[in-house]
């Protein structure tokens, strides 16, 4: 388990507490099923990499305790964030769009 996540007790598919969202997203690079990767930094920046191209955005926790992202010039979305846990070990995150309900999973590399 990543050192940043030590002390967090999580079960598979349980919600990430708002206070733990910064640790959860910055704990390591996420690898998605389609091969894309994403890195979140503690200063609120994110880089999504897919097929050799990078896209820069921002992330934050909104006033309702949700994980949200902004992709210039105008795309903004918020997600319910849930833990992915296997054999008591946190292995990644599930993001479910608040507006569209679409879920995607990222595994820590």
PDB file of N, CA and C in Angstrom:
ATOM      1  N   UNK A   1       0.841  -1.178   0.000  1.00  0.00           N
ATOM      2  CA  UNK A   1       0.000   0.000   0.000  1.00  0.00           C
ATOM      3  C   UNK A   1       0.884   1.239   0.000  1.00  0.00           C
ATOM      4  N   UNK A   2       0.451   2.233  -0.714  1.00  0.00           N
ATOM      5  CA  UNK A   2       1.162   3.499  -0.766  1.00  0.00           C
ATOM      6  C   UNK A   2       1.213   4.124   0.622  1.00  0.00           C
ATOM      7  N   UNK A   3       2.356   4.699   0.976  1.00  0.00           N
ATOM      8  CA  UNK A   3       2.521   5.319   2.297  1.00  0.00           C
ATOM      9  C   UNK A   3       1.480   6.393   2.576  1.00  0.00           C
ATOM     10  N   UNK A   4       1.048   7.109   1.540  1.00  0.00           N
ATOM     11  CA  UNK A   4       0.061   8.173   1.735  1.00  0.00           C
ATOM     12  C   UNK A   4      -1.284   7.631   2.213  1.00  0.00           C
ATOM     13  N   UNK A   5      -1.538   6.348   1.953  1.00  0.00           N
ATOM     14  CA  UNK A   5      -2.831   5.755   2.297  1.00  0.00           C
ATOM     15  C   UNK A   5      -2.799   4.969   3.600  1.00  0.00           C
ATOM     16  N   UNK A   6      -1.625   4.862   4.221  1.00  0.00           N
ATOM     17  CA  UNK A   6      -1.543   4.145   5.487  1.00  0.00           C
ATOM     18  C   UNK A   6      -2.437   4.821   6.516  1.00  0.00           C
ATOM     19  N   UNK A   7      -3.116   4.015   7.284  1.00  0.00           N
ATOM     20  CA  UNK A   7      -4.010   4.536   8.312  1.00  0.00           C
ATOM     21  C   UNK A   7      -5.442   4.706   7.830  1.00  0.00           C
ATOM     22  N   UNK A   8      -5.655   4.627   6.519  1.00  0.00           N
ATOM     23  CA  UNK A   8      -7.017   4.717   5.992  1.00  0.00           C
ATOM     24  C   UNK A   8      -7.600   3.318   5.965  1.00  0.00           C
ATOM     25  N   UNK A   9      -8.727   3.162   6.618  1.00  0.00           N
ATOM     26  CA  UNK A   9      -9.422   1.878   6.612  1.00  0.00           C
ATOM     27  C   UNK A   9     -10.533   1.978   5.585  1.00  0.00           C
ATOM     28  N   UNK A  10     -10.494   1.078   4.610  1.00  0.00           N
ATOM     29  CA  UNK A  10     -11.484   1.121   3.542  1.00  0.00           C
ATOM     30  C   UNK A  10     -11.907  -0.288   3.171  1.00  0.00           C
ATOM     31  N   UNK A  11     -13.141  -0.401   2.764  1.00  0.00           N
ATOM     32  CA  UNK A  11     -13.659  -1.647   2.211  1.00  0.00           C
ATOM     33  C   UNK A  11     -13.997  -1.374   0.752  1.00  0.00           C
ATOM     34  N   UNK A  12     -14.008  -2.417  -0.054  1.00  0.00           N
ATOM     35  CA  UNK A  12     -14.276  -2.241  -1.469  1.00  0.00           C
ATOM     36  C   UNK A  12     -15.611  -1.544  -1.696  1.00  0.00           C
ATOM     37  N   UNK A  13     -15.584  -0.564  -2.568  1.00  0.00           N
ATOM     38  CA  UNK A  13     -16.750   0.200  -3.013  1.00  0.00           C
ATOM     39  C   UNK A  13     -17.359   1.100  -1.935  1.00  0.00           C
ATOM     40  N   UNK A  14     -16.597   1.396  -0.881  1.00  0.00           N
ATOM     41  CA  UNK A  14     -17.080   2.370   0.091  1.00  0.00           C
ATOM     42  C   UNK A  14     -16.641   3.762  -0.337  1.00  0.00           C
ATOM     43  N   UNK A  15     -17.417   4.744   0.048  1.00  0.00           N
ATOM     44  CA  UNK A  15     -17.132   6.127  -0.325  1.00  0.00           C
ATOM     45  C   UNK A  15     -15.823   6.608   0.299  1.00  0.00           C
ATOM     46  N   UNK A  16     -15.089   7.382  -0.473  1.00  0.00           N
ATOM     47  CA  UNK A  16     -13.893   8.043   0.050  1.00  0.00           C
ATOM     48  C   UNK A  16     -14.368   9.279   0.810  1.00  0.00           C
ATOM     49  N   UNK A  17     -14.006   9.385   2.072  1.00  0.00           N
ATOM     50  CA  UNK A  17     -14.398  10.543   2.880  1.00  0.00           C
ATOM     51  C   UNK A  17     -13.793  11.809   2.270  1.00  0.00           C
ATOM     52  N   UNK A  18     -14.522  12.900   2.349  1.00  0.00           N
ATOM     53  CA  UNK A  18     -14.056  14.161   1.767  1.00  0.00           C
ATOM     54  C   UNK A  18     -12.648  14.519   2.246  1.00  0.00           C
ATOM     55  N   UNK A  19     -12.374  14.285   3.526  1.00  0.00           N
ATOM     56  CA  UNK A  19     -11.051  14.615   4.075  1.00  0.00           C
ATOM     57  C   UNK A  19      -9.947  13.749   3.485  1.00  0.00           C
ATOM     58  N   UNK A  20     -10.300  12.567   2.964  1.00  0.00           N
ATOM     59  CA  UNK A  20      -9.308  11.651   2.391  1.00  0.00           C
ATOM     60  C   UNK A  20      -9.139  11.795   0.879  1.00  0.00           C
ATOM     61  N   UNK A  21      -9.989  12.577   0.233  1.00  0.00           N
ATOM     62  CA  UNK A  21      -9.907  12.713  -1.225  1.00  0.00           C
ATOM     63  C   UNK A  21      -8.537  13.204  -1.679  1.00  0.00           C
ATOM     64  N   UNK A  22      -7.963  14.257  -1.075  1.00  0.00           N
ATOM     65  CA  UNK A  22      -6.633  14.683  -1.540  1.00  0.00           C
ATOM     66  C   UNK A  22      -5.586  13.573  -1.455  1.00  0.00           C
ATOM     67  N   UNK A  23      -5.595  12.796  -0.390  1.00  0.00           N
ATOM     68  CA  UNK A  23      -4.653  11.676  -0.268  1.00  0.00           C
ATOM     69  C   UNK A  23      -4.945  10.616  -1.317  1.00  0.00           C
ATOM     70  N   UNK A  24      -6.228  10.323  -1.517  1.00  0.00           N
ATOM     71  CA  UNK A  24      -6.625   9.258  -2.444  1.00  0.00           C
ATOM     72  C   UNK A  24      -6.184   9.559  -3.870  1.00  0.00           C
ATOM     73  N   UNK A  25      -6.407  10.774  -4.336  1.00  0.00           N
ATOM     74  CA  UNK A  25      -6.086  11.058  -5.737  1.00  0.00           C
ATOM     75  C   UNK A  25      -4.605  11.321  -5.976  1.00  0.00           C
ATOM     76  N   UNK A  26      -3.884  11.764  -4.962  1.00  0.00           N
ATOM     77  CA  UNK A  26      -2.453  12.063  -5.149  1.00  0.00           C
ATOM     78  C   UNK A  26      -1.545  10.914  -4.722  1.00  0.00           C
ATOM     79  N   UNK A  27      -2.116   9.791  -4.315  1.00  0.00           N
ATOM     80  CA  UNK A  27      -1.314   8.670  -3.802  1.00  0.00           C
ATOM     81  C   UNK A  27      -0.464   8.000  -4.872  1.00  0.00           C
ATOM     82  N   UNK A  28      -0.791   8.168  -6.121  1.00  0.00           N
ATOM     83  CA  UNK A  28      -0.011   7.558  -7.189  1.00  0.00           C
ATOM     84  C   UNK A  28      -0.693   7.713  -8.523  1.00  0.00           C
ATOM     85  N   UNK A  29       0.044   7.417  -9.571  1.00  0.00           N
ATOM     86  CA  UNK A  29      -0.523   7.491 -10.916  1.00  0.00           C
ATOM     87  C   UNK A  29      -1.591   6.418 -11.060  1.00  0.00           C
ATOM     88  N   UNK A  30      -2.701   6.786 -11.694  1.00  0.00           N
ATOM     89  CA  UNK A  30      -3.797   5.852 -11.924  1.00  0.00           C
ATOM     90  C   UNK A  30      -3.748   5.345 -13.358  1.00  0.00           C
ATOM     91  N   UNK A  31      -3.963   4.052 -13.506  1.00  0.00           N
ATOM     92  CA  UNK A  31      -4.030   3.416 -14.810  1.00  0.00           C
ATOM     93  C   UNK A  31      -5.471   2.981 -15.041  1.00  0.00           C
ATOM     94  N   UNK A  32      -6.050   3.420 -16.154  1.00  0.00           N
ATOM     95  CA  UNK A  32      -7.428   3.087 -16.487  1.00  0.00           C
ATOM     96  C   UNK A  32      -7.475   1.876 -17.429  1.00  0.00           C
ATOM     97  N   UNK A  33      -8.629   1.259 -17.531  1.00  0.00           N
ATOM     98  CA  UNK A  33      -8.811   0.043 -18.315  1.00  0.00           C
ATOM     99  C   UNK A  33      -8.388   0.242 -19.778  1.00  0.00           C
ATOM    100  N   UNK A  34      -8.627   1.421 -20.315  1.00  0.00           N
ATOM    101  CA  UNK A  34      -8.298   1.685 -21.717  1.00  0.00           C
ATOM    102  C   UNK A  34      -6.825   1.997 -21.947  1.00  0.00           C
ATOM    103  N   UNK A  35      -6.003   1.942 -20.890  1.00  0.00           N
ATOM    104  CA  UNK A  35      -4.577   2.204 -21.008  1.00  0.00           C
ATOM    105  C   UNK A  35      -4.171   3.632 -20.723  1.00  0.00           C
ATOM    106  N   UNK A  36      -5.129   4.525 -20.580  1.00  0.00           N
ATOM    107  CA  UNK A  36      -4.820   5.913 -20.240  1.00  0.00           C
ATOM    108  C   UNK A  36      -4.325   5.974 -18.795  1.00  0.00           C
ATOM    109  N   UNK A  37      -3.555   7.008 -18.484  1.00  0.00           N
ATOM    110  CA  UNK A  37      -3.073   7.218 -17.121  1.00  0.00           C
ATOM    111  C   UNK A  37      -3.402   8.638 -16.690  1.00  0.00           C
ATOM    112  N   UNK A  38      -3.398   8.838 -15.384  1.00  0.00           N
ATOM    113  CA  UNK A  38      -3.664  10.170 -14.851  1.00  0.00           C
ATOM    114  C   UNK A  38      -2.881  10.379 -13.574  1.00  0.00           C
ATOM    115  N   UNK A  39      -2.317  11.566 -13.461  1.00  0.00           N
ATOM    116  CA  UNK A  39      -1.574  11.963 -12.269  1.00  0.00           C
ATOM    117  C   UNK A  39      -2.246  13.198 -11.682  1.00  0.00           C
ATOM    118  N   UNK A  40      -2.447  13.183 -10.376  1.00  0.00           N
ATOM    119  CA  UNK A  40      -2.985  14.327  -9.644  1.00  0.00           C
ATOM    120  C   UNK A  40      -1.886  14.821  -8.707  1.00  0.00           C
ATOM    121  N   UNK A  41      -1.679  16.122  -8.635  1.00  0.00           N
ATOM    122  CA  UNK A  41      -0.667  16.669  -7.736  1.00  0.00           C
ATOM    123  C   UNK A  41      -1.335  17.436  -6.605  1.00  0.00           C
ATOM    124  N   UNK A  42      -0.605  17.608  -5.511  1.00  0.00           N
ATOM    125  CA  UNK A  42      -1.168  18.226  -4.313  1.00  0.00           C
ATOM    126  C   UNK A  42      -1.569  19.686  -4.532  1.00  0.00           C
ATOM    127  N   UNK A  43      -1.038  20.321  -5.574  1.00  0.00           N
ATOM    128  CA  UNK A  43      -1.383  21.723  -5.840  1.00  0.00           C
ATOM    129  C   UNK A  43      -2.647  21.872  -6.690  1.00  0.00           C
ATOM    130  N   UNK A  44      -3.403  20.762  -6.889  1.00  0.00           N
ATOM    131  CA  UNK A  44      -4.667  20.838  -7.602  1.00  0.00           C
ATOM    132  C   UNK A  44      -4.560  20.699  -9.113  1.00  0.00           C
ATOM    133  N   UNK A  45      -3.441  20.251  -9.604  1.00  0.00           N
ATOM    134  CA  UNK A  45      -3.255  20.040 -11.043  1.00  0.00           C
ATOM    135  C   UNK A  45      -3.409  18.558 -11.374  1.00  0.00           C
ATOM    136  N   UNK A  46      -3.771  18.270 -12.613  1.00  0.00           N
ATOM    137  CA  UNK A  46      -3.852  16.895 -13.075  1.00  0.00           C
ATOM    138  C   UNK A  46      -3.440  16.818 -14.532  1.00  0.00           C
ATOM    139  N   UNK A  47      -2.845  15.690 -14.894  1.00  0.00           N
ATOM    140  CA  UNK A  47      -2.481  15.424 -16.278  1.00  0.00           C
ATOM    141  C   UNK A  47      -3.027  14.054 -16.661  1.00  0.00           C
ATOM    142  N   UNK A  48      -3.825  14.051 -17.714  1.00  0.00           N
ATOM    143  CA  UNK A  48      -4.416  12.827 -18.256  1.00  0.00           C
ATOM    144  C   UNK A  48      -3.647  12.506 -19.526  1.00  0.00           C
ATOM    145  N   UNK A  49      -3.110  11.296 -19.602  1.00  0.00           N
ATOM    146  CA  UNK A  49      -2.304  10.888 -20.756  1.00  0.00           C
ATOM    147  C   UNK A  49      -2.972   9.722 -21.469  1.00  0.00           C
ATOM    148  N   UNK A  50      -3.124   9.902 -22.790  1.00  0.00           N
ATOM    149  CA  UNK A  50      -3.800   8.885 -23.592  1.00  0.00           C
ATOM    150  C   UNK A  50      -3.216   8.881 -25.002  1.00  0.00           C
ATOM    151  N   UNK A  51      -2.792   7.711 -25.454  1.00  0.00           N
ATOM    152  CA  UNK A  51      -2.265   7.527 -26.816  1.00  0.00           C
ATOM    153  C   UNK A  51      -1.198   8.561 -27.183  1.00  0.00           C
ATOM    154  N   UNK A  52      -0.286   8.818 -26.252  1.00  0.00           N
ATOM    155  CA  UNK A  52       0.822   9.716 -26.520  1.00  0.00           C
ATOM    156  C   UNK A  52       0.518  11.191 -26.353  1.00  0.00           C
ATOM    157  N   UNK A  53      -0.715  11.534 -26.013  1.00  0.00           N
ATOM    158  CA  UNK A  53      -1.080  12.938 -25.818  1.00  0.00           C
ATOM    159  C   UNK A  53      -1.432  13.211 -24.372  1.00  0.00           C
ATOM    160  N   UNK A  54      -1.110  14.412 -23.924  1.00  0.00           N
ATOM    161  CA  UNK A  54      -1.412  14.824 -22.553  1.00  0.00           C
ATOM    162  C   UNK A  54      -2.450  15.930 -22.549  1.00  0.00           C
ATOM    163  N   UNK A  55      -3.291  15.908 -21.538  1.00  0.00           N
ATOM    164  CA  UNK A  55      -4.290  16.944 -21.331  1.00  0.00           C
ATOM    165  C   UNK A  55      -4.150  17.433 -19.890  1.00  0.00           C
ATOM    166  N   UNK A  56      -4.018  18.744 -19.723  1.00  0.00           N
ATOM    167  CA  UNK A  56      -3.829  19.327 -18.393  1.00  0.00           C
ATOM    168  C   UNK A  56      -5.147  19.876 -17.867  1.00  0.00           C
ATOM    169  N   UNK A  57      -5.414  19.595 -16.597  1.00  0.00           N
ATOM    170  CA  UNK A  57      -6.621  20.089 -15.958  1.00  0.00           C
ATOM    171  C   UNK A  57      -6.365  20.413 -14.502  1.00  0.00           C
ATOM    172  N   UNK A  58      -7.445  20.610 -13.766  1.00  0.00           N
ATOM    173  CA  UNK A  58      -7.372  20.921 -12.340  1.00  0.00           C
ATOM    174  C   UNK A  58      -8.372  20.038 -11.601  1.00  0.00           C
ATOM    175  N   UNK A  59      -8.098  19.805 -10.326  1.00  0.00           N
ATOM    176  CA  UNK A  59      -9.029  19.043  -9.496  1.00  0.00           C
ATOM    177  C   UNK A  59      -9.208  19.781  -8.169  1.00  0.00           C
ATOM    178  N   UNK A  60     -10.344  19.489  -7.508  1.00  0.00           N
ATOM    179  CA  UNK A  60     -10.632  20.113  -6.218  1.00  0.00           C
ATOM    180  C   UNK A  60     -11.738  19.329  -5.522  1.00  0.00           C
ATOM    181  N   UNK A  61     -11.904  19.609  -4.244  1.00  0.00           N
ATOM    182  CA  UNK A  61     -13.011  19.061  -3.466  1.00  0.00           C
ATOM    183  C   UNK A  61     -13.999  20.202  -3.297  1.00  0.00           C
ATOM    184  N   UNK A  62     -15.235  20.012  -3.753  1.00  0.00           N
ATOM    185  CA  UNK A  62     -16.210  21.106  -3.684  1.00  0.00           C
ATOM    186  C   UNK A  62     -16.802  21.255  -2.286  1.00  0.00           C
ATOM    187  N   UNK A  63     -17.672  22.226  -2.116  1.00  0.00           N
ATOM    188  CA  UNK A  63     -18.230  22.516  -0.785  1.00  0.00           C
ATOM    189  C   UNK A  63     -19.199  21.442  -0.302  1.00  0.00           C
ATOM    190  N   UNK A  64     -19.514  20.467  -1.161  1.00  0.00           N
ATOM    191  CA  UNK A  64     -20.349  19.337  -0.753  1.00  0.00           C
ATOM    192  C   UNK A  64     -19.507  18.094  -0.485  1.00  0.00           C
ATOM    193  N   UNK A  65     -18.171  18.257  -0.512  1.00  0.00           N
ATOM    194  CA  UNK A  65     -17.266  17.150  -0.226  1.00  0.00           C
ATOM    195  C   UNK A  65     -17.089  16.179  -1.371  1.00  0.00           C
ATOM    196  N   UNK A  66     -17.351  16.642  -2.608  1.00  0.00           N
ATOM    197  CA  UNK A  66     -17.210  15.777  -3.780  1.00  0.00           C
ATOM    198  C   UNK A  66     -15.918  16.099  -4.524  1.00  0.00           C
ATOM    199  N   UNK A  67     -15.370  15.081  -5.175  1.00  0.00           N
ATOM    200  CA  UNK A  67     -14.216  15.279  -6.045  1.00  0.00           C
ATOM    201  C   UNK A  67     -14.716  15.876  -7.361  1.00  0.00           C
ATOM    202  N   UNK A  68     -14.067  16.934  -7.809  1.00  0.00           N
ATOM    203  CA  UNK A  68     -14.454  17.576  -9.060  1.00  0.00           C
ATOM    204  C   UNK A  68     -13.215  17.869  -9.889  1.00  0.00           C
ATOM    205  N   UNK A  69     -13.427  17.974 -11.191  1.00  0.00           N
ATOM    206  CA  UNK A  69     -12.320  18.317 -12.071  1.00  0.00           C
ATOM    207  C   UNK A  69     -12.774  19.380 -13.060  1.00  0.00           C
ATOM    208  N   UNK A  70     -11.785  20.136 -13.545  1.00  0.00           N
ATOM    209  CA  UNK A  70     -12.018  21.189 -14.521  1.00  0.00           C
ATOM    210  C   UNK A  70     -11.012  21.018 -15.642  1.00  0.00           C
ATOM    211  N   UNK A  71     -11.507  21.001 -16.866  1.00  0.00           N
ATOM    212  CA  UNK A  71     -10.665  20.884 -18.060  1.00  0.00           C
ATOM    213  C   UNK A  71     -10.934  22.099 -18.925  1.00  0.00           C
ATOM    214  N   UNK A  72      -9.949  22.990 -19.009  1.00  0.00           N
ATOM    215  CA  UNK A  72     -10.144  24.212 -19.802  1.00  0.00           C
ATOM    216  C   UNK A  72     -10.496  23.886 -21.259  1.00  0.00           C
ATOM    217  N   UNK A  73     -11.326  24.684 -21.884  1.00  0.00           N
ATOM    218  CA  UNK A  73     -11.728  25.984 -21.377  1.00  0.00           C
ATOM    219  C   UNK A  73     -12.986  25.970 -20.512  1.00  0.00           C
ATOM    220  N   UNK A  74     -13.817  24.893 -20.578  1.00  0.00           N
ATOM    221  CA  UNK A  74     -15.082  25.015 -19.859  1.00  0.00           C
ATOM    222  C   UNK A  74     -15.662  23.728 -19.290  1.00  0.00           C
ATOM    223  N   UNK A  75     -14.992  22.581 -19.433  1.00  0.00           N
ATOM    224  CA  UNK A  75     -15.581  21.328 -18.958  1.00  0.00           C
ATOM    225  C   UNK A  75     -15.340  21.151 -17.465  1.00  0.00           C
ATOM    226  N   UNK A  76     -16.420  20.994 -16.727  1.00  0.00           N
ATOM    227  CA  UNK A  76     -16.351  20.788 -15.283  1.00  0.00           C
ATOM    228  C   UNK A  76     -17.259  19.621 -14.929  1.00  0.00           C
ATOM    229  N   UNK A  77     -16.781  18.715 -14.065  1.00  0.00           N
ATOM    230  CA  UNK A  77     -17.592  17.566 -13.660  1.00  0.00           C
ATOM    231  C   UNK A  77     -17.241  17.172 -12.228  1.00  0.00           C
ATOM    232  N   UNK A  78     -18.233  16.636 -11.529  1.00  0.00           N
ATOM    233  CA  UNK A  78     -18.013  16.147 -10.166  1.00  0.00           C
ATOM    234  C   UNK A  78     -18.339  14.653 -10.129  1.00  0.00           C
ATOM    235  N   UNK A  79     -17.672  13.965  -9.208  1.00  0.00           N
ATOM    236  CA  UNK A  79     -17.769  12.512  -9.143  1.00  0.00           C
ATOM    237  C   UNK A  79     -17.925  12.033  -7.707  1.00  0.00           C
ATOM    238  N   UNK A  80     -18.674  10.946  -7.552  1.00  0.00           N
ATOM    239  CA  UNK A  80     -18.661  10.204  -6.299  1.00  0.00           C
ATOM    240  C   UNK A  80     -17.404   9.339  -6.385  1.00  0.00           C
ATOM    241  N   UNK A  81     -16.583   9.372  -5.368  1.00  0.00           N
ATOM    242  CA  UNK A  81     -15.313   8.655  -5.367  1.00  0.00           C
ATOM    243  C   UNK A  81     -15.404   7.503  -4.372  1.00  0.00           C
ATOM    244  N   UNK A  82     -15.075   6.277  -4.863  1.00  0.00           N
ATOM    245  CA  UNK A  82     -15.157   5.079  -4.024  1.00  0.00           C
ATOM    246  C   UNK A  82     -13.842   4.318  -4.112  1.00  0.00           C
ATOM    247  N   UNK A  83     -13.529   3.633  -3.028  1.00  0.00           N
ATOM    248  CA  UNK A  83     -12.298   2.841  -2.969  1.00  0.00           C
ATOM    249  C   UNK A  83     -12.437   1.548  -3.753  1.00  0.00           C
ATOM    250  N   UNK A  84     -11.329   1.112  -4.339  1.00  0.00           N
ATOM    251  CA  UNK A  84     -11.200  -0.244  -4.878  1.00  0.00           C
ATOM    252  C   UNK A  84     -10.252  -0.956  -3.933  1.00  0.00           C
ATOM    253  N   UNK A  85     -10.731  -2.038  -3.302  1.00  0.00           N
ATOM    254  CA  UNK A  85      -9.949  -2.763  -2.301  1.00  0.00           C
ATOM    255  C   UNK A  85      -9.940  -4.240  -2.663  1.00  0.00           C
ATOM    256  N   UNK A  86      -8.747  -4.836  -2.622  1.00  0.00           N
ATOM    257  CA  UNK A  86      -8.595  -6.271  -2.847  1.00  0.00           C
ATOM    258  C   UNK A  86      -7.753  -6.844  -1.709  1.00  0.00           C
ATOM    259  N   UNK A  87      -8.273  -7.858  -1.053  1.00  0.00           N
ATOM    260  CA  UNK A  87      -7.563  -8.501   0.062  1.00  0.00           C
ATOM    261  C   UNK A  87      -7.083  -7.476   1.092  1.00  0.00           C
ATOM    262  N   UNK A  88      -7.948  -6.580   1.476  1.00  0.00           N
ATOM    263  CA  UNK A  88      -7.716  -5.518   2.463  1.00  0.00           C
ATOM    264  C   UNK A  88      -6.727  -4.450   2.001  1.00  0.00           C
ATOM    265  N   UNK A  89      -6.288  -4.503   0.758  1.00  0.00           N
ATOM    266  CA  UNK A  89      -5.318  -3.538   0.233  1.00  0.00           C
ATOM    267  C   UNK A  89      -6.016  -2.586  -0.735  1.00  0.00           C
ATOM    268  N   UNK A  90      -5.835  -1.287  -0.539  1.00  0.00           N
ATOM    269  CA  UNK A  90      -6.398  -0.289  -1.452  1.00  0.00           C
ATOM    270  C   UNK A  90      -5.607  -0.351  -2.758  1.00  0.00           C
ATOM    271  N   UNK A  91      -6.318  -0.623  -3.861  1.00  0.00           N
ATOM    272  CA  UNK A  91      -5.642  -0.778  -5.150  1.00  0.00           C
ATOM    273  C   UNK A  91      -6.027   0.288  -6.168  1.00  0.00           C
ATOM    274  N   UNK A  92      -7.042   1.087  -5.852  1.00  0.00           N
ATOM    275  CA  UNK A  92      -7.438   2.109  -6.810  1.00  0.00           C
ATOM    276  C   UNK A  92      -8.699   2.840  -6.399  1.00  0.00           C
ATOM    277  N   UNK A  93      -9.255   3.557  -7.377  1.00  0.00           N
ATOM    278  CA  UNK A  93     -10.423   4.396  -7.136  1.00  0.00           C
ATOM    279  C   UNK A  93     -11.467   4.195  -8.224  1.00  0.00           C
ATOM    280  N   UNK A  94     -12.743   4.291  -7.826  1.00  0.00           N
ATOM    281  CA  UNK A  94     -13.860   4.287  -8.765  1.00  0.00           C
ATOM    282  C   UNK A  94     -14.454   5.694  -8.788  1.00  0.00           C
ATOM    283  N   UNK A  95     -14.626   6.226  -9.967  1.00  0.00           N
ATOM    284  CA  UNK A  95     -15.205   7.554 -10.156  1.00  0.00           C
ATOM    285  C   UNK A  95     -16.566   7.373 -10.814  1.00  0.00           C
ATOM    286  N   UNK A  96     -17.622   7.909 -10.208  1.00  0.00           N
ATOM    287  CA  UNK A  96     -18.952   7.845 -10.810  1.00  0.00           C
ATOM    288  C   UNK A  96     -19.457   9.265 -10.991  1.00  0.00           C
ATOM    289  N   UNK A  97     -19.748   9.612 -12.240  1.00  0.00           N
ATOM    290  CA  UNK A  97     -20.208  10.964 -12.549  1.00  0.00           C
ATOM    291  C   UNK A  97     -21.506  11.290 -11.836  1.00  0.00           C
ATOM    292  N   UNK A  98     -21.545  12.438 -11.171  1.00  0.00           N
ATOM    293  CA  UNK A  98     -22.740  12.853 -10.442  1.00  0.00           C
ATOM    294  C   UNK A  98     -23.900  13.095 -11.411  1.00  0.00           C
ATOM    295  N   UNK A  99     -23.610  13.669 -12.569  1.00  0.00           N
ATOM    296  CA  UNK A  99     -24.681  13.982 -13.523  1.00  0.00           C
ATOM    297  C   UNK A  99     -25.070  12.802 -14.404  1.00  0.00           C
ATOM    298  N   UNK A 100     -24.081  12.031 -14.872  1.00  0.00           N
ATOM    299  CA  UNK A 100     -24.400  10.990 -15.851  1.00  0.00           C
ATOM    300  C   UNK A 100     -24.366   9.565 -15.296  1.00  0.00           C
ATOM    301  N   UNK A 101     -23.838   9.375 -14.093  1.00  0.00           N
ATOM    302  CA  UNK A 101     -23.800   8.049 -13.481  1.00  0.00           C
ATOM    303  C   UNK A 101     -22.787   7.090 -14.082  1.00  0.00           C
ATOM    304  N   UNK A 102     -21.988   7.552 -15.043  1.00  0.00           N
ATOM    305  CA  UNK A 102     -20.985   6.703 -15.670  1.00  0.00           C
ATOM    306  C   UNK A 102     -19.835   6.470 -14.698  1.00  0.00           C
ATOM    307  N   UNK A 103     -19.410   5.203 -14.572  1.00  0.00           N
ATOM    308  CA  UNK A 103     -18.334   4.843 -13.651  1.00  0.00           C
ATOM    309  C   UNK A 103     -17.107   4.384 -14.421  1.00  0.00           C
ATOM    310  N   UNK A 104     -15.947   4.846 -13.985  1.00  0.00           N
ATOM    311  CA  UNK A 104     -14.688   4.344 -14.524  1.00  0.00           C
ATOM    312  C   UNK A 104     -13.748   4.094 -13.363  1.00  0.00           C
ATOM    313  N   UNK A 105     -12.820   3.150 -13.563  1.00  0.00           N
ATOM    314  CA  UNK A 105     -11.926   2.727 -12.497  1.00  0.00           C
ATOM    315  C   UNK A 105     -10.478   3.024 -12.852  1.00  0.00           C
ATOM    316  N   UNK A 106      -9.739   3.488 -11.846  1.00  0.00           N
ATOM    317  CA  UNK A 106      -8.306   3.704 -12.003  1.00  0.00           C
ATOM    318  C   UNK A 106      -7.560   2.915 -10.935  1.00  0.00           C
ATOM    319  N   UNK A 107      -6.561   2.158 -11.357  1.00  0.00           N
ATOM    320  CA  UNK A 107      -5.757   1.374 -10.429  1.00  0.00           C
ATOM    321  C   UNK A 107      -4.419   2.078 -10.230  1.00  0.00           C
ATOM    322  N   UNK A 108      -3.970   2.124  -8.965  1.00  0.00           N
ATOM    323  CA  UNK A 108      -2.663   2.695  -8.686  1.00  0.00           C
ATOM    324  C   UNK A 108      -1.572   1.865  -9.355  1.00  0.00           C
ATOM    325  N   UNK A 109      -0.637   2.538  -9.983  1.00  0.00           N
ATOM    326  CA  UNK A 109       0.497   1.832 -10.593  1.00  0.00           C
ATOM    327  C   UNK A 109       1.586   1.630  -9.573  1.00  0.00           C
TER     328      UNK A 109
END
